[in-house]
Amino acid sequence: MALGGLAFAFFSPSSPVVAKNLIDEKEEETRRHLIVKIPVMPGADDFIKRAAQKYAMAIVTGALKQEVFFILDQLRWRDYFL
């Protein structure tokens, strides 16, 4: 479902089923794009590992928990965050 589907979900009455389908579709699309290679800024890997030795780190985002865990697992960073 493209942007038209999202516009429908936000601007017209929708059921929990429609919302769940949109969430599932977004998650699948995210995974499909990131499965090949997750873009990481130069130096980020080293920074995360070094910072985690001194600080308790957490992620604040509007993304779904499963999406965040997927990315952290792919980068092998999950253990560095609370």
PDB file of N, CA and C in Angstrom:
ATOM      1  N   MET A   1       0.857  -1.175   0.000  1.00  0.00           N
ATOM      2  CA  MET A   1       0.000   0.000   0.000  1.00  0.00           C
ATOM      3  C   MET A   1       0.902   1.235   0.000  1.00  0.00           C
ATOM      4  N   ALA A   2       0.644   2.152  -0.849  1.00  0.00           N
ATOM      5  CA  ALA A   2       1.467   3.346  -0.975  1.00  0.00           C
ATOM      6  C   ALA A   2       0.909   4.463  -0.117  1.00  0.00           C
ATOM      7  N   LEU A   3       1.386   5.655  -0.351  1.00  0.00           N
ATOM      8  CA  LEU A   3       0.983   6.821   0.425  1.00  0.00           C
ATOM      9  C   LEU A   3      -0.522   7.008   0.429  1.00  0.00           C
ATOM     10  N   GLY A   4      -1.183   6.664  -0.644  1.00  0.00           N
ATOM     11  CA  GLY A   4      -2.636   6.801  -0.700  1.00  0.00           C
ATOM     12  C   GLY A   4      -3.313   6.042   0.422  1.00  0.00           C
ATOM     13  N   GLY A   5      -2.802   4.863   0.732  1.00  0.00           N
ATOM     14  CA  GLY A   5      -3.354   4.068   1.824  1.00  0.00           C
ATOM     15  C   GLY A   5      -3.130   4.735   3.162  1.00  0.00           C
ATOM     16  N   LEU A   6      -1.960   5.326   3.331  1.00  0.00           N
ATOM     17  CA  LEU A   6      -1.680   6.041   4.577  1.00  0.00           C
ATOM     18  C   LEU A   6      -2.594   7.242   4.732  1.00  0.00           C
ATOM     19  N   ALA A   7      -2.795   7.975   3.648  1.00  0.00           N
ATOM     20  CA  ALA A   7      -3.686   9.132   3.701  1.00  0.00           C
ATOM     21  C   ALA A   7      -5.091   8.681   4.074  1.00  0.00           C
ATOM     22  N   PHE A   8      -5.533   7.572   3.526  1.00  0.00           N
ATOM     23  CA  PHE A   8      -6.856   7.043   3.850  1.00  0.00           C
ATOM     24  C   PHE A   8      -6.946   6.738   5.338  1.00  0.00           C
ATOM     25  N   ALA A   9      -5.911   6.133   5.877  1.00  0.00           N
ATOM     26  CA  ALA A   9      -5.930   5.737   7.287  1.00  0.00           C
ATOM     27  C   ALA A   9      -5.979   6.960   8.206  1.00  0.00           C
ATOM     28  N   PHE A  10      -5.338   8.043   7.812  1.00  0.00           N
ATOM     29  CA  PHE A  10      -5.291   9.210   8.683  1.00  0.00           C
ATOM     30  C   PHE A  10      -6.479  10.152   8.516  1.00  0.00           C
ATOM     31  N   PHE A  11      -7.097  10.156   7.350  1.00  0.00           N
ATOM     32  CA  PHE A  11      -8.126  11.136   7.095  1.00  0.00           C
ATOM     33  C   PHE A  11      -9.542  10.578   7.003  1.00  0.00           C
ATOM     34  N   SER A  12      -9.698   9.310   7.233  1.00  0.00           N
ATOM     35  CA  SER A  12     -11.039   8.747   7.237  1.00  0.00           C
ATOM     36  C   SER A  12     -11.148   7.748   8.378  1.00  0.00           C
ATOM     37  N   PRO A  13     -12.360   7.466   8.800  1.00  0.00           N
ATOM     38  CA  PRO A  13     -12.520   6.514   9.891  1.00  0.00           C
ATOM     39  C   PRO A  13     -11.877   5.184   9.519  1.00  0.00           C
ATOM     40  N   SER A  14     -11.107   4.626  10.428  1.00  0.00           N
ATOM     41  CA  SER A  14     -10.477   3.343  10.149  1.00  0.00           C
ATOM     42  C   SER A  14     -10.648   2.418  11.341  1.00  0.00           C
ATOM     43  N   SER A  15     -10.618   1.171  11.069  1.00  0.00           N
ATOM     44  CA  SER A  15     -10.769   0.179  12.123  1.00  0.00           C
ATOM     45  C   SER A  15      -9.394  -0.209  12.645  1.00  0.00           C
ATOM     46  N   PRO A  16      -9.349  -0.860  13.792  1.00  0.00           N
ATOM     47  CA  PRO A  16      -8.067  -1.368  14.300  1.00  0.00           C
ATOM     48  C   PRO A  16      -7.404  -2.335  13.321  1.00  0.00           C
ATOM     49  N   VAL A  17      -8.217  -3.022  12.529  1.00  0.00           N
ATOM     50  CA  VAL A  17      -7.661  -3.959  11.537  1.00  0.00           C
ATOM     51  C   VAL A  17      -6.877  -3.194  10.473  1.00  0.00           C
ATOM     52  N   VAL A  18      -7.420  -2.077   9.997  1.00  0.00           N
ATOM     53  CA  VAL A  18      -6.729  -1.254   9.001  1.00  0.00           C
ATOM     54  C   VAL A  18      -5.432  -0.718   9.592  1.00  0.00           C
ATOM     55  N   ALA A  19      -5.479  -0.223  10.806  1.00  0.00           N
ATOM     56  CA  ALA A  19      -4.279   0.299  11.462  1.00  0.00           C
ATOM     57  C   ALA A  19      -3.235  -0.799  11.616  1.00  0.00           C
ATOM     58  N   LYS A  20      -3.639  -1.974  12.053  1.00  0.00           N
ATOM     59  CA  LYS A  20      -2.711  -3.099  12.229  1.00  0.00           C
ATOM     60  C   LYS A  20      -2.080  -3.481  10.897  1.00  0.00           C
ATOM     61  N   ASN A  21      -2.884  -3.507   9.831  1.00  0.00           N
ATOM     62  CA  ASN A  21      -2.345  -3.835   8.511  1.00  0.00           C
ATOM     63  C   ASN A  21      -1.309  -2.811   8.054  1.00  0.00           C
ATOM     64  N   LEU A  22      -1.577  -1.531   8.309  1.00  0.00           N
ATOM     65  CA  LEU A  22      -0.618  -0.485   7.948  1.00  0.00           C
ATOM     66  C   LEU A  22       0.677  -0.621   8.740  1.00  0.00           C
ATOM     67  N   ILE A  23       0.564  -0.914  10.014  1.00  0.00           N
ATOM     68  CA  ILE A  23       1.750  -1.089  10.858  1.00  0.00           C
ATOM     69  C   ILE A  23       2.563  -2.284  10.372  1.00  0.00           C
ATOM     70  N   ASP A  24       1.893  -3.389  10.093  1.00  0.00           N
ATOM     71  CA  ASP A  24       2.585  -4.581   9.601  1.00  0.00           C
ATOM     72  C   ASP A  24       3.279  -4.308   8.266  1.00  0.00           C
ATOM     73  N   GLU A  25       2.596  -3.577   7.401  1.00  0.00           N
ATOM     74  CA  GLU A  25       3.163  -3.257   6.092  1.00  0.00           C
ATOM     75  C   GLU A  25       4.385  -2.359   6.220  1.00  0.00           C
ATOM     76  N   LYS A  26       4.307  -1.377   7.106  1.00  0.00           N
ATOM     77  CA  LYS A  26       5.448  -0.482   7.344  1.00  0.00           C
ATOM     78  C   LYS A  26       6.636  -1.264   7.870  1.00  0.00           C
ATOM     79  N   GLU A  27       6.390  -2.165   8.803  1.00  0.00           N
ATOM     80  CA  GLU A  27       7.481  -2.959   9.368  1.00  0.00           C
ATOM     81  C   GLU A  27       8.126  -3.839   8.301  1.00  0.00           C
ATOM     82  N   GLU A  28       7.324  -4.487   7.472  1.00  0.00           N
ATOM     83  CA  GLU A  28       7.857  -5.341   6.413  1.00  0.00           C
ATOM     84  C   GLU A  28       8.671  -4.534   5.408  1.00  0.00           C
ATOM     85  N   GLU A  29       8.167  -3.364   5.050  1.00  0.00           N
ATOM     86  CA  GLU A  29       8.880  -2.499   4.103  1.00  0.00           C
ATOM     87  C   GLU A  29      10.213  -2.043   4.701  1.00  0.00           C
ATOM     88  N   THR A  30      10.214  -1.697   5.975  1.00  0.00           N
ATOM     89  CA  THR A  30      11.443  -1.288   6.654  1.00  0.00           C
ATOM     90  C   THR A  30      12.462  -2.422   6.632  1.00  0.00           C
ATOM     91  N   ARG A  31      12.031  -3.616   6.990  1.00  0.00           N
ATOM     92  CA  ARG A  31      12.937  -4.778   6.985  1.00  0.00           C
ATOM     93  C   ARG A  31      13.489  -5.044   5.584  1.00  0.00           C
ATOM     94  N   ARG A  32      12.623  -4.962   4.589  1.00  0.00           N
ATOM     95  CA  ARG A  32      13.056  -5.245   3.221  1.00  0.00           C
ATOM     96  C   ARG A  32      14.143  -4.266   2.776  1.00  0.00           C
ATOM     97  N   HIS A  33      14.017  -3.003   3.162  1.00  0.00           N
ATOM     98  CA  HIS A  33      15.012  -2.012   2.764  1.00  0.00           C
ATOM     99  C   HIS A  33      16.308  -2.136   3.563  1.00  0.00           C
ATOM    100  N   LEU A  34      16.208  -2.552   4.800  1.00  0.00           N
ATOM    101  CA  LEU A  34      17.390  -2.584   5.655  1.00  0.00           C
ATOM    102  C   LEU A  34      18.103  -3.929   5.696  1.00  0.00           C
ATOM    103  N   ILE A  35      17.500  -4.965   5.169  1.00  0.00           N
ATOM    104  CA  ILE A  35      18.110  -6.289   5.250  1.00  0.00           C
ATOM    105  C   ILE A  35      19.409  -6.353   4.445  1.00  0.00           C
ATOM    106  N   VAL A  36      19.495  -5.583   3.376  1.00  0.00           N
ATOM    107  CA  VAL A  36      20.682  -5.620   2.539  1.00  0.00           C
ATOM    108  C   VAL A  36      21.864  -4.999   3.274  1.00  0.00           C
ATOM    109  N   LYS A  37      21.734  -3.779   3.679  1.00  0.00           N
ATOM    110  CA  LYS A  37      22.815  -3.103   4.415  1.00  0.00           C
ATOM    111  C   LYS A  37      22.230  -1.915   5.154  1.00  0.00           C
ATOM    112  N   ILE A  38      22.443  -1.905   6.433  1.00  0.00           N
ATOM    113  CA  ILE A  38      21.967  -0.798   7.250  1.00  0.00           C
ATOM    114  C   ILE A  38      23.026   0.305   7.196  1.00  0.00           C
ATOM    115  N   PRO A  39      22.640   1.497   6.761  1.00  0.00           N
ATOM    116  CA  PRO A  39      23.625   2.587   6.685  1.00  0.00           C
ATOM    117  C   PRO A  39      24.040   3.033   8.085  1.00  0.00           C
ATOM    118  N   VAL A  40      25.342   3.112   8.286  1.00  0.00           N
ATOM    119  CA  VAL A  40      25.884   3.526   9.579  1.00  0.00           C
ATOM    120  C   VAL A  40      26.917   4.623   9.322  1.00  0.00           C
ATOM    121  N   MET A  41      26.812   5.696  10.091  1.00  0.00           N
ATOM    122  CA  MET A  41      27.770   6.789   9.952  1.00  0.00           C
ATOM    123  C   MET A  41      29.173   6.309  10.304  1.00  0.00           C
ATOM    124  N   PRO A  42      30.172   6.801   9.603  1.00  0.00           N
ATOM    125  CA  PRO A  42      31.552   6.437   9.947  1.00  0.00           C
ATOM    126  C   PRO A  42      31.833   6.770  11.413  1.00  0.00           C
ATOM    127  N   GLY A  43      32.419   5.828  12.119  1.00  0.00           N
ATOM    128  CA  GLY A  43      32.771   6.039  13.519  1.00  0.00           C
ATOM    129  C   GLY A  43      31.673   5.689  14.507  1.00  0.00           C
ATOM    130  N   ALA A  44      30.449   5.446  14.019  1.00  0.00           N
ATOM    131  CA  ALA A  44      29.328   5.174  14.923  1.00  0.00           C
ATOM    132  C   ALA A  44      29.537   3.888  15.714  1.00  0.00           C
ATOM    133  N   ASP A  45      30.019   2.847  15.056  1.00  0.00           N
ATOM    134  CA  ASP A  45      30.219   1.566  15.726  1.00  0.00           C
ATOM    135  C   ASP A  45      31.197   1.713  16.895  1.00  0.00           C
ATOM    136  N   ASP A  46      32.300   2.359  16.637  1.00  0.00           N
ATOM    137  CA  ASP A  46      33.301   2.577  17.694  1.00  0.00           C
ATOM    138  C   ASP A  46      32.736   3.444  18.817  1.00  0.00           C
ATOM    139  N   PHE A  47      31.997   4.487  18.452  1.00  0.00           N
ATOM    140  CA  PHE A  47      31.405   5.374  19.451  1.00  0.00           C
ATOM    141  C   PHE A  47      30.437   4.618  20.357  1.00  0.00           C
ATOM    142  N   ILE A  48      29.560   3.820  19.768  1.00  0.00           N
ATOM    143  CA  ILE A  48      28.568   3.067  20.551  1.00  0.00           C
ATOM    144  C   ILE A  48      29.270   2.153  21.544  1.00  0.00           C
ATOM    145  N   LYS A  49      30.259   1.442  21.078  1.00  0.00           N
ATOM    146  CA  LYS A  49      30.973   0.491  21.937  1.00  0.00           C
ATOM    147  C   LYS A  49      31.726   1.197  23.063  1.00  0.00           C
ATOM    148  N   ARG A  50      32.355   2.300  22.760  1.00  0.00           N
ATOM    149  CA  ARG A  50      33.108   3.031  23.795  1.00  0.00           C
ATOM    150  C   ARG A  50      32.176   3.742  24.777  1.00  0.00           C
ATOM    151  N   ALA A  51      31.128   4.351  24.270  1.00  0.00           N
ATOM    152  CA  ALA A  51      30.186   5.069  25.131  1.00  0.00           C
ATOM    153  C   ALA A  51      29.486   4.107  26.090  1.00  0.00           C
ATOM    154  N   ALA A  52      29.174   2.913  25.611  1.00  0.00           N
ATOM    155  CA  ALA A  52      28.484   1.925  26.445  1.00  0.00           C
ATOM    156  C   ALA A  52      29.334   1.472  27.630  1.00  0.00           C
ATOM    157  N   GLN A  53      30.628   1.620  27.527  1.00  0.00           N
ATOM    158  CA  GLN A  53      31.512   1.263  28.638  1.00  0.00           C
ATOM    159  C   GLN A  53      31.411   2.266  29.789  1.00  0.00           C
ATOM    160  N   LYS A  54      31.009   3.492  29.481  1.00  0.00           N
ATOM    161  CA  LYS A  54      30.950   4.542  30.495  1.00  0.00           C
ATOM    162  C   LYS A  54      29.531   4.951  30.876  1.00  0.00           C
ATOM    163  N   TYR A  55      28.570   4.789  29.954  1.00  0.00           N
ATOM    164  CA  TYR A  55      27.233   5.325  30.161  1.00  0.00           C
ATOM    165  C   TYR A  55      26.159   4.261  29.919  1.00  0.00           C
ATOM    166  N   ALA A  56      25.073   4.398  30.648  1.00  0.00           N
ATOM    167  CA  ALA A  56      23.882   3.594  30.350  1.00  0.00           C
ATOM    168  C   ALA A  56      23.202   4.264  29.163  1.00  0.00           C
ATOM    169  N   MET A  57      22.953   3.517  28.110  1.00  0.00           N
ATOM    170  CA  MET A  57      22.407   4.116  26.896  1.00  0.00           C
ATOM    171  C   MET A  57      21.036   3.533  26.582  1.00  0.00           C
ATOM    172  N   ALA A  58      20.186   4.378  26.028  1.00  0.00           N
ATOM    173  CA  ALA A  58      18.842   3.969  25.640  1.00  0.00           C
ATOM    174  C   ALA A  58      18.494   4.673  24.335  1.00  0.00           C
ATOM    175  N   ILE A  59      17.454   4.190  23.688  1.00  0.00           N
ATOM    176  CA  ILE A  59      16.988   4.782  22.434  1.00  0.00           C
ATOM    177  C   ILE A  59      15.566   5.282  22.634  1.00  0.00           C
ATOM    178  N   VAL A  60      15.345   6.517  22.220  1.00  0.00           N
ATOM    179  CA  VAL A  60      14.002   7.094  22.254  1.00  0.00           C
ATOM    180  C   VAL A  60      13.604   7.346  20.804  1.00  0.00           C
ATOM    181  N   THR A  61      12.508   6.731  20.383  1.00  0.00           N
ATOM    182  CA  THR A  61      12.084   6.837  18.995  1.00  0.00           C
ATOM    183  C   THR A  61      10.588   6.589  18.874  1.00  0.00           C
ATOM    184  N   GLY A  62      10.038   7.007  17.778  1.00  0.00           N
ATOM    185  CA  GLY A  62       8.645   6.712  17.487  1.00  0.00           C
ATOM    186  C   GLY A  62       8.492   5.411  16.710  1.00  0.00           C
ATOM    187  N   ALA A  63       9.609   4.761  16.407  1.00  0.00           N
ATOM    188  CA  ALA A  63       9.567   3.501  15.658  1.00  0.00           C
ATOM    189  C   ALA A  63       9.041   2.377  16.543  1.00  0.00           C
ATOM    190  N   LEU A  64       8.580   1.328  15.899  1.00  0.00           N
ATOM    191  CA  LEU A  64       8.123   0.159  16.632  1.00  0.00           C
ATOM    192  C   LEU A  64       9.302  -0.550  17.289  1.00  0.00           C
ATOM    193  N   LYS A  65       9.055  -1.106  18.460  1.00  0.00           N
ATOM    194  CA  LYS A  65      10.090  -1.808  19.217  1.00  0.00           C
ATOM    195  C   LYS A  65      10.747  -2.901  18.367  1.00  0.00           C
ATOM    196  N   GLN A  66       9.939  -3.654  17.618  1.00  0.00           N
ATOM    197  CA  GLN A  66      10.474  -4.729  16.796  1.00  0.00           C
ATOM    198  C   GLN A  66      11.430  -4.191  15.726  1.00  0.00           C
ATOM    199  N   GLU A  67      11.120  -3.015  15.183  1.00  0.00           N
ATOM    200  CA  GLU A  67      11.985  -2.410  14.169  1.00  0.00           C
ATOM    201  C   GLU A  67      13.322  -2.004  14.769  1.00  0.00           C
ATOM    202  N   VAL A  68      13.273  -1.424  15.954  1.00  0.00           N
ATOM    203  CA  VAL A  68      14.503  -1.011  16.626  1.00  0.00           C
ATOM    204  C   VAL A  68      15.351  -2.236  16.948  1.00  0.00           C
ATOM    205  N   PHE A  69      14.731  -3.271  17.498  1.00  0.00           N
ATOM    206  CA  PHE A  69      15.467  -4.492  17.822  1.00  0.00           C
ATOM    207  C   PHE A  69      16.050  -5.136  16.568  1.00  0.00           C
ATOM    208  N   PHE A  70      15.307  -5.109  15.467  1.00  0.00           N
ATOM    209  CA  PHE A  70      15.797  -5.666  14.213  1.00  0.00           C
ATOM    210  C   PHE A  70      17.101  -4.977  13.808  1.00  0.00           C
ATOM    211  N   ILE A  71      17.100  -3.655  13.838  1.00  0.00           N
ATOM    212  CA  ILE A  71      18.288  -2.899  13.440  1.00  0.00           C
ATOM    213  C   ILE A  71      19.436  -3.137  14.423  1.00  0.00           C
ATOM    214  N   LEU A  72      19.144  -3.058  15.722  1.00  0.00           N
ATOM    215  CA  LEU A  72      20.196  -3.287  16.716  1.00  0.00           C
ATOM    216  C   LEU A  72      20.781  -4.688  16.587  1.00  0.00           C
ATOM    217  N   ASP A  73      19.942  -5.668  16.320  1.00  0.00           N
ATOM    218  CA  ASP A  73      20.430  -7.040  16.159  1.00  0.00           C
ATOM    219  C   ASP A  73      21.290  -7.178  14.904  1.00  0.00           C
ATOM    220  N   GLN A  74      20.877  -6.545  13.817  1.00  0.00           N
ATOM    221  CA  GLN A  74      21.669  -6.613  12.591  1.00  0.00           C
ATOM    222  C   GLN A  74      23.056  -5.991  12.775  1.00  0.00           C
ATOM    223  N   LEU A  75      23.107  -4.927  13.555  1.00  0.00           N
ATOM    224  CA  LEU A  75      24.378  -4.239  13.809  1.00  0.00           C
ATOM    225  C   LEU A  75      25.145  -4.827  15.000  1.00  0.00           C
ATOM    226  N   ARG A  76      24.498  -5.773  15.672  1.00  0.00           N
ATOM    227  CA  ARG A  76      25.048  -6.381  16.889  1.00  0.00           C
ATOM    228  C   ARG A  76      25.296  -5.330  17.982  1.00  0.00           C
ATOM    229  N   TRP A  77      24.318  -4.442  18.125  1.00  0.00           N
ATOM    230  CA  TRP A  77      24.408  -3.364  19.116  1.00  0.00           C
ATOM    231  C   TRP A  77      23.407  -3.513  20.251  1.00  0.00           C
ATOM    232  N   ARG A  78      22.517  -4.481  20.212  1.00  0.00           N
ATOM    233  CA  ARG A  78      21.443  -4.526  21.197  1.00  0.00           C
ATOM    234  C   ARG A  78      21.977  -4.566  22.634  1.00  0.00           C
ATOM    235  N   ASP A  79      23.036  -5.288  22.867  1.00  0.00           N
ATOM    236  CA  ASP A  79      23.578  -5.424  24.230  1.00  0.00           C
ATOM    237  C   ASP A  79      24.131  -4.115  24.790  1.00  0.00           C
ATOM    238  N   TYR A  80      24.348  -3.134  23.933  1.00  0.00           N
ATOM    239  CA  TYR A  80      24.898  -1.853  24.395  1.00  0.00           C
ATOM    240  C   TYR A  80      23.825  -0.894  24.916  1.00  0.00           C
ATOM    241  N   PHE A  81      22.558  -1.264  24.736  1.00  0.00           N
ATOM    242  CA  PHE A  81      21.452  -0.400  25.156  1.00  0.00           C
ATOM    243  C   PHE A  81      20.591  -1.079  26.207  1.00  0.00           C
ATOM    244  N   LEU A  82      19.999  -0.247  27.070  1.00  0.00           N
ATOM    245  CA  LEU A  82      19.112  -0.777  28.115  1.00  0.00           C
ATOM    246  C   LEU A  82      17.884  -1.396  27.509  1.00  0.00           C
TER     247      LEU A  82
END
